[in-house]
Amino acid sequence: MLEHPLQAGGALVAGGAVIAIALWTDLRHRRIPNLLTVPAAICALCFHTAVGGITDGTLFSLKGLLIGIALLLIPFLLGGMGGGDVKLFGGLGAWLGVRSVIIVSLLAAVAGGIIALVMLIRHGGFARLRGVWRDIVALIITRERVEPDTRSRRLPFSVPTAMGYILFLTGRFAGWF
């Protein structure tokens, strides 16, 4: 938990700025650049070290960085999201710490699930799910992979991440977190 008022306020503002820039670049260019995520993590480590000290501040930021990366590593390895999303959560974790980045990730997952459900309903995706089962059966029987429909709509994960962060800030100011 962020103890020092400067540490808490600075981290929340910086985290919001990082997410806002990531959202803009992800929507515009469909990627989150290293030029954003790596400096964000380095600045967070420096900031927390300066405000919280080498032991407390650095460890706080470093643990958040590692947990932020770990939260999205498996979905990334399974092809469910890009490396920029993983590094974004690492940088966000470096700013917010372990507890807060976990809360943001859970809220982002809920927001992403709701958005995905709305997209399924809106674009007739439930009818397409039958096609997925046919593809699975074909894979089992013929051992040949059916190429996915490249026209499918994909949502950049920065959108539910931004929504999760807004919900986190709302909950934090309301005293829930």
C-alpha atoms as a PDB file:
ATOM      1  CA  MET A   1       0.000   0.000   0.000  1.00  0.00           C
ATOM      2  CA  LEU A   2       1.291   3.459  -0.827  1.00  0.00           C
ATOM      3  CA  GLU A   3       1.930   5.215   2.503  1.00  0.00           C
ATOM      4  CA  HIS A   4       3.429   8.592   1.670  1.00  0.00           C
ATOM      5  CA  PRO A   5       0.873  11.081   0.178  1.00  0.00           C
ATOM      6  CA  LEU A   6       3.330  12.216  -2.504  1.00  0.00           C
ATOM      7  CA  GLN A   7       4.036   8.593  -3.366  1.00  0.00           C
ATOM      8  CA  ALA A   8       0.344   7.695  -3.636  1.00  0.00           C
ATOM      9  CA  GLY A   9      -0.705  10.772  -5.610  1.00  0.00           C
ATOM     10  CA  GLY A  10       2.290  10.726  -7.924  1.00  0.00           C
ATOM     11  CA  ALA A  11       1.917   7.022  -8.633  1.00  0.00           C
ATOM     12  CA  LEU A  12      -1.800   7.305  -9.409  1.00  0.00           C
ATOM     13  CA  VAL A  13      -1.276  10.244 -11.768  1.00  0.00           C
ATOM     14  CA  ALA A  14       1.700   8.580 -13.485  1.00  0.00           C
ATOM     15  CA  GLY A  15      -0.183   5.281 -13.821  1.00  0.00           C
ATOM     16  CA  GLY A  16      -3.124   7.100 -15.373  1.00  0.00           C
ATOM     17  CA  ALA A  17      -0.850   8.925 -17.805  1.00  0.00           C
ATOM     18  CA  VAL A  18       0.821   5.666 -18.863  1.00  0.00           C
ATOM     19  CA  ILE A  19      -2.546   4.006 -19.453  1.00  0.00           C
ATOM     20  CA  ALA A  20      -3.901   7.016 -21.370  1.00  0.00           C
ATOM     21  CA  ILE A  21      -0.900   7.028 -23.725  1.00  0.00           C
ATOM     22  CA  ALA A  22      -1.068   3.234 -24.121  1.00  0.00           C
ATOM     23  CA  LEU A  23      -4.776   3.441 -24.943  1.00  0.00           C
ATOM     24  CA  TRP A  24      -4.161   6.109 -27.569  1.00  0.00           C
ATOM     25  CA  THR A  25      -1.285   4.256 -29.263  1.00  0.00           C
ATOM     26  CA  ASP A  26      -3.059   0.904 -29.072  1.00  0.00           C
ATOM     27  CA  LEU A  27      -6.234   2.238 -30.673  1.00  0.00           C
ATOM     28  CA  ARG A  28      -4.348   4.226 -33.276  1.00  0.00           C
ATOM     29  CA  HIS A  29      -1.497   1.855 -34.188  1.00  0.00           C
ATOM     30  CA  ARG A  30      -2.654  -1.452 -32.621  1.00  0.00           C
ATOM     31  CA  ARG A  31       0.474  -1.673 -30.454  1.00  0.00           C
ATOM     32  CA  ILE A  32       1.882  -0.447 -27.168  1.00  0.00           C
ATOM     33  CA  PRO A  33       5.495   0.597 -27.781  1.00  0.00           C
ATOM     34  CA  ASN A  34       8.497  -0.245 -25.616  1.00  0.00           C
ATOM     35  CA  LEU A  35       9.271   3.467 -25.758  1.00  0.00           C
ATOM     36  CA  LEU A  36       6.336   3.887 -23.362  1.00  0.00           C
ATOM     37  CA  THR A  37       6.459   0.804 -21.155  1.00  0.00           C
ATOM     38  CA  VAL A  38      10.183   0.537 -20.406  1.00  0.00           C
ATOM     39  CA  PRO A  39      10.663   4.193 -19.373  1.00  0.00           C
ATOM     40  CA  ALA A  40       7.440   3.967 -17.340  1.00  0.00           C
ATOM     41  CA  ALA A  41       8.881   1.088 -15.314  1.00  0.00           C
ATOM     42  CA  ILE A  42      12.282   2.763 -14.906  1.00  0.00           C
ATOM     43  CA  CYS A  43      10.707   6.068 -13.834  1.00  0.00           C
ATOM     44  CA  ALA A  44       8.498   4.225 -11.338  1.00  0.00           C
ATOM     45  CA  LEU A  45      11.500   2.456  -9.823  1.00  0.00           C
ATOM     46  CA  CYS A  46      13.396   5.757  -9.545  1.00  0.00           C
ATOM     47  CA  PHE A  47      10.384   7.610  -8.137  1.00  0.00           C
ATOM     48  CA  HIS A  48       9.589   5.030  -5.459  1.00  0.00           C
ATOM     49  CA  THR A  49      13.263   4.716  -4.536  1.00  0.00           C
ATOM     50  CA  ALA A  50      13.551   8.490  -4.131  1.00  0.00           C
ATOM     51  CA  VAL A  51      10.336   8.839  -2.107  1.00  0.00           C
ATOM     52  CA  GLY A  52      10.251   5.549  -0.215  1.00  0.00           C
ATOM     53  CA  GLY A  53      13.928   4.720   0.126  1.00  0.00           C
ATOM     54  CA  ILE A  54      16.093   2.011  -1.339  1.00  0.00           C
ATOM     55  CA  THR A  55      14.680  -0.781   0.771  1.00  0.00           C
ATOM     56  CA  ASP A  56      10.978   0.031   0.923  1.00  0.00           C
ATOM     57  CA  GLY A  57      10.487   2.071  -2.247  1.00  0.00           C
ATOM     58  CA  THR A  58      12.583  -0.054  -4.586  1.00  0.00           C
ATOM     59  CA  LEU A  59      11.134  -3.330  -3.308  1.00  0.00           C
ATOM     60  CA  PHE A  60       7.588  -1.954  -3.520  1.00  0.00           C
ATOM     61  CA  SER A  61       8.095  -0.975  -7.156  1.00  0.00           C
ATOM     62  CA  LEU A  62      10.085  -4.057  -8.161  1.00  0.00           C
ATOM     63  CA  LYS A  63       7.527  -6.466  -6.696  1.00  0.00           C
ATOM     64  CA  GLY A  64       4.727  -4.602  -8.490  1.00  0.00           C
ATOM     65  CA  LEU A  65       6.673  -4.788 -11.758  1.00  0.00           C
ATOM     66  CA  LEU A  66       7.197  -8.539 -11.478  1.00  0.00           C
ATOM     67  CA  ILE A  67       3.612  -9.296 -10.439  1.00  0.00           C
ATOM     68  CA  GLY A  68       2.259  -7.038 -13.198  1.00  0.00           C
ATOM     69  CA  ILE A  69       4.221  -9.043 -15.769  1.00  0.00           C
ATOM     70  CA  ALA A  70       3.318 -12.378 -14.172  1.00  0.00           C
ATOM     71  CA  LEU A  71      -0.421 -11.603 -14.276  1.00  0.00           C
ATOM     72  CA  LEU A  72      -0.489 -11.523 -18.078  1.00  0.00           C
ATOM     73  CA  LEU A  73       2.397 -13.839 -18.919  1.00  0.00           C
ATOM     74  CA  ILE A  74       0.330 -17.008 -19.397  1.00  0.00           C
ATOM     75  CA  PRO A  75      -2.308 -15.343 -21.627  1.00  0.00           C
ATOM     76  CA  PHE A  76       0.575 -13.884 -23.656  1.00  0.00           C
ATOM     77  CA  LEU A  77       2.302 -17.267 -23.994  1.00  0.00           C
ATOM     78  CA  LEU A  78      -1.004 -18.780 -25.129  1.00  0.00           C
ATOM     79  CA  GLY A  79      -1.366 -16.082 -27.805  1.00  0.00           C
ATOM     80  CA  GLY A  80      -4.264 -14.293 -26.138  1.00  0.00           C
ATOM     81  CA  MET A  81      -2.586 -10.903 -25.979  1.00  0.00           C
ATOM     82  CA  GLY A  82       0.437  -8.983 -27.128  1.00  0.00           C
ATOM     83  CA  GLY A  83       3.717  -8.343 -25.399  1.00  0.00           C
ATOM     84  CA  GLY A  84       2.898  -4.646 -25.091  1.00  0.00           C
ATOM     85  CA  ASP A  85      -0.028  -5.511 -22.815  1.00  0.00           C
ATOM     86  CA  VAL A  86       2.273  -7.554 -20.577  1.00  0.00           C
ATOM     87  CA  LYS A  87       4.863  -4.773 -20.389  1.00  0.00           C
ATOM     88  CA  LEU A  88       2.107  -2.214 -19.778  1.00  0.00           C
ATOM     89  CA  PHE A  89       0.994  -4.150 -16.708  1.00  0.00           C
ATOM     90  CA  GLY A  90       4.615  -4.460 -15.613  1.00  0.00           C
ATOM     91  CA  GLY A  91       5.045  -0.690 -15.793  1.00  0.00           C
ATOM     92  CA  LEU A  92       1.696  -0.150 -14.115  1.00  0.00           C
ATOM     93  CA  GLY A  93       2.688  -2.570 -11.356  1.00  0.00           C
ATOM     94  CA  ALA A  94       5.942  -0.679 -10.855  1.00  0.00           C
ATOM     95  CA  TRP A  95       3.926   2.480 -10.246  1.00  0.00           C
ATOM     96  CA  LEU A  96       1.059   1.019  -8.192  1.00  0.00           C
ATOM     97  CA  GLY A  97       2.517  -1.963  -6.357  1.00  0.00           C
ATOM     98  CA  VAL A  98       1.338  -5.551  -6.033  1.00  0.00           C
ATOM     99  CA  ARG A  99      -2.048  -5.090  -4.391  1.00  0.00           C
ATOM    100  CA  SER A 100      -3.213  -2.299  -6.680  1.00  0.00           C
ATOM    101  CA  VAL A 101      -2.043  -3.896  -9.946  1.00  0.00           C
ATOM    102  CA  ILE A 102      -3.868  -7.102  -8.996  1.00  0.00           C
ATOM    103  CA  ILE A 103      -7.066  -5.119  -8.359  1.00  0.00           C
ATOM    104  CA  VAL A 104      -6.681  -3.251 -11.666  1.00  0.00           C
ATOM    105  CA  SER A 105      -6.107  -6.547 -13.520  1.00  0.00           C
ATOM    106  CA  LEU A 106      -9.230  -8.124 -12.001  1.00  0.00           C
ATOM    107  CA  LEU A 107     -11.341  -5.077 -12.844  1.00  0.00           C
ATOM    108  CA  ALA A 108      -9.880  -5.017 -16.376  1.00  0.00           C
ATOM    109  CA  ALA A 109     -10.710  -8.713 -16.791  1.00  0.00           C
ATOM    110  CA  VAL A 110     -14.316  -8.088 -15.740  1.00  0.00           C
ATOM    111  CA  ALA A 111     -14.577  -5.079 -18.072  1.00  0.00           C
ATOM    112  CA  GLY A 112     -13.041  -7.116 -20.914  1.00  0.00           C
ATOM    113  CA  GLY A 113     -15.476  -9.954 -20.317  1.00  0.00           C
ATOM    114  CA  ILE A 114     -18.445  -7.618 -20.419  1.00  0.00           C
ATOM    115  CA  ILE A 115     -17.169  -5.940 -23.589  1.00  0.00           C
ATOM    116  CA  ALA A 116     -16.562  -9.344 -25.207  1.00  0.00           C
ATOM    117  CA  LEU A 117     -20.077 -10.490 -24.305  1.00  0.00           C
ATOM    118  CA  VAL A 118     -21.580  -7.315 -25.784  1.00  0.00           C
ATOM    119  CA  MET A 119     -19.498  -7.803 -28.949  1.00  0.00           C
ATOM    120  CA  LEU A 120     -20.652 -11.433 -29.213  1.00  0.00           C
ATOM    121  CA  ILE A 121     -24.289 -10.451 -28.890  1.00  0.00           C
ATOM    122  CA  ARG A 122     -23.978  -7.466 -31.228  1.00  0.00           C
ATOM    123  CA  HIS A 123     -22.165  -9.298 -34.014  1.00  0.00           C
ATOM    124  CA  GLY A 124     -23.908 -12.667 -33.860  1.00  0.00           C
ATOM    125  CA  GLY A 125     -20.942 -14.390 -32.272  1.00  0.00           C
ATOM    126  CA  PHE A 126     -22.978 -17.043 -30.502  1.00  0.00           C
ATOM    127  CA  ALA A 127     -23.947 -18.508 -33.872  1.00  0.00           C
ATOM    128  CA  ARG A 128     -20.244 -18.624 -34.762  1.00  0.00           C
ATOM    129  CA  LEU A 129     -19.456 -20.639 -31.637  1.00  0.00           C
ATOM    130  CA  ARG A 130     -20.985 -23.663 -33.355  1.00  0.00           C
ATOM    131  CA  GLY A 131     -18.300 -23.244 -35.994  1.00  0.00           C
ATOM    132  CA  VAL A 132     -15.637 -23.364 -33.290  1.00  0.00           C
ATOM    133  CA  TRP A 133     -16.911 -26.756 -32.132  1.00  0.00           C
ATOM    134  CA  ARG A 134     -16.819 -28.011 -35.733  1.00  0.00           C
ATOM    135  CA  ASP A 135     -13.204 -26.803 -35.986  1.00  0.00           C
ATOM    136  CA  ILE A 136     -12.292 -28.654 -32.788  1.00  0.00           C
ATOM    137  CA  VAL A 137     -13.890 -31.870 -34.039  1.00  0.00           C
ATOM    138  CA  ALA A 138     -12.147 -31.483 -37.403  1.00  0.00           C
ATOM    139  CA  LEU A 139      -8.828 -31.002 -35.618  1.00  0.00           C
ATOM    140  CA  ILE A 140      -9.356 -34.159 -33.565  1.00  0.00           C
ATOM    141  CA  ILE A 141     -10.433 -36.267 -36.544  1.00  0.00           C
ATOM    142  CA  THR A 142      -8.145 -34.989 -39.307  1.00  0.00           C
ATOM    143  CA  ARG A 143      -5.308 -33.567 -37.171  1.00  0.00           C
ATOM    144  CA  GLU A 144      -5.327 -30.519 -39.470  1.00  0.00           C
ATOM    145  CA  ARG A 145      -5.755 -27.099 -37.980  1.00  0.00           C
ATOM    146  CA  VAL A 146      -8.496 -24.924 -39.436  1.00  0.00           C
ATOM    147  CA  GLU A 147      -7.230 -21.393 -39.990  1.00  0.00           C
ATOM    148  CA  PRO A 148      -9.151 -18.848 -37.918  1.00  0.00           C
ATOM    149  CA  ASP A 149     -11.274 -16.178 -39.508  1.00  0.00           C
ATOM    150  CA  THR A 150      -8.945 -13.197 -39.850  1.00  0.00           C
ATOM    151  CA  ARG A 151     -11.893 -10.865 -40.210  1.00  0.00           C
ATOM    152  CA  SER A 152     -12.882 -11.360 -36.577  1.00  0.00           C
ATOM    153  CA  ARG A 153     -13.125  -8.283 -34.415  1.00  0.00           C
ATOM    154  CA  ARG A 154     -10.363  -7.948 -31.837  1.00  0.00           C
ATOM    155  CA  LEU A 155     -10.467  -5.584 -28.930  1.00  0.00           C
ATOM    156  CA  PRO A 156      -7.186  -4.011 -27.815  1.00  0.00           C
ATOM    157  CA  PHE A 157      -6.663  -4.972 -24.164  1.00  0.00           C
ATOM    158  CA  SER A 158      -5.780  -1.368 -23.361  1.00  0.00           C
ATOM    159  CA  VAL A 159      -9.510  -0.561 -23.528  1.00  0.00           C
ATOM    160  CA  PRO A 160     -10.573  -2.817 -20.629  1.00  0.00           C
ATOM    161  CA  THR A 161      -7.317  -1.903 -18.855  1.00  0.00           C
ATOM    162  CA  ALA A 162      -8.283   1.774 -18.964  1.00  0.00           C
ATOM    163  CA  MET A 163     -11.780   0.905 -17.781  1.00  0.00           C
ATOM    164  CA  GLY A 164     -10.343  -1.210 -14.969  1.00  0.00           C
ATOM    165  CA  TYR A 165      -8.077   1.660 -13.936  1.00  0.00           C
ATOM    166  CA  ILE A 166     -10.978   4.114 -13.864  1.00  0.00           C
ATOM    167  CA  LEU A 167     -12.964   1.660 -11.721  1.00  0.00           C
ATOM    168  CA  PHE A 168      -9.916   1.235  -9.472  1.00  0.00           C
ATOM    169  CA  LEU A 169      -9.553   5.008  -9.009  1.00  0.00           C
ATOM    170  CA  THR A 170     -13.281   5.321  -8.318  1.00  0.00           C
ATOM    171  CA  GLY A 171     -13.097   2.549  -5.734  1.00  0.00           C
ATOM    172  CA  ARG A 172      -9.964   3.980  -4.173  1.00  0.00           C
ATOM    173  CA  PHE A 173     -11.473   7.434  -3.754  1.00  0.00           C
ATOM    174  CA  ALA A 174     -14.691   5.875  -2.438  1.00  0.00           C
ATOM    175  CA  GLY A 175     -12.643   4.009   0.175  1.00  0.00           C
ATOM    176  CA  TRP A 176     -13.287   0.504  -1.175  1.00  0.00           C
ATOM    177  CA  PHE A 177      -9.616  -0.274  -1.919  1.00  0.00           C
END
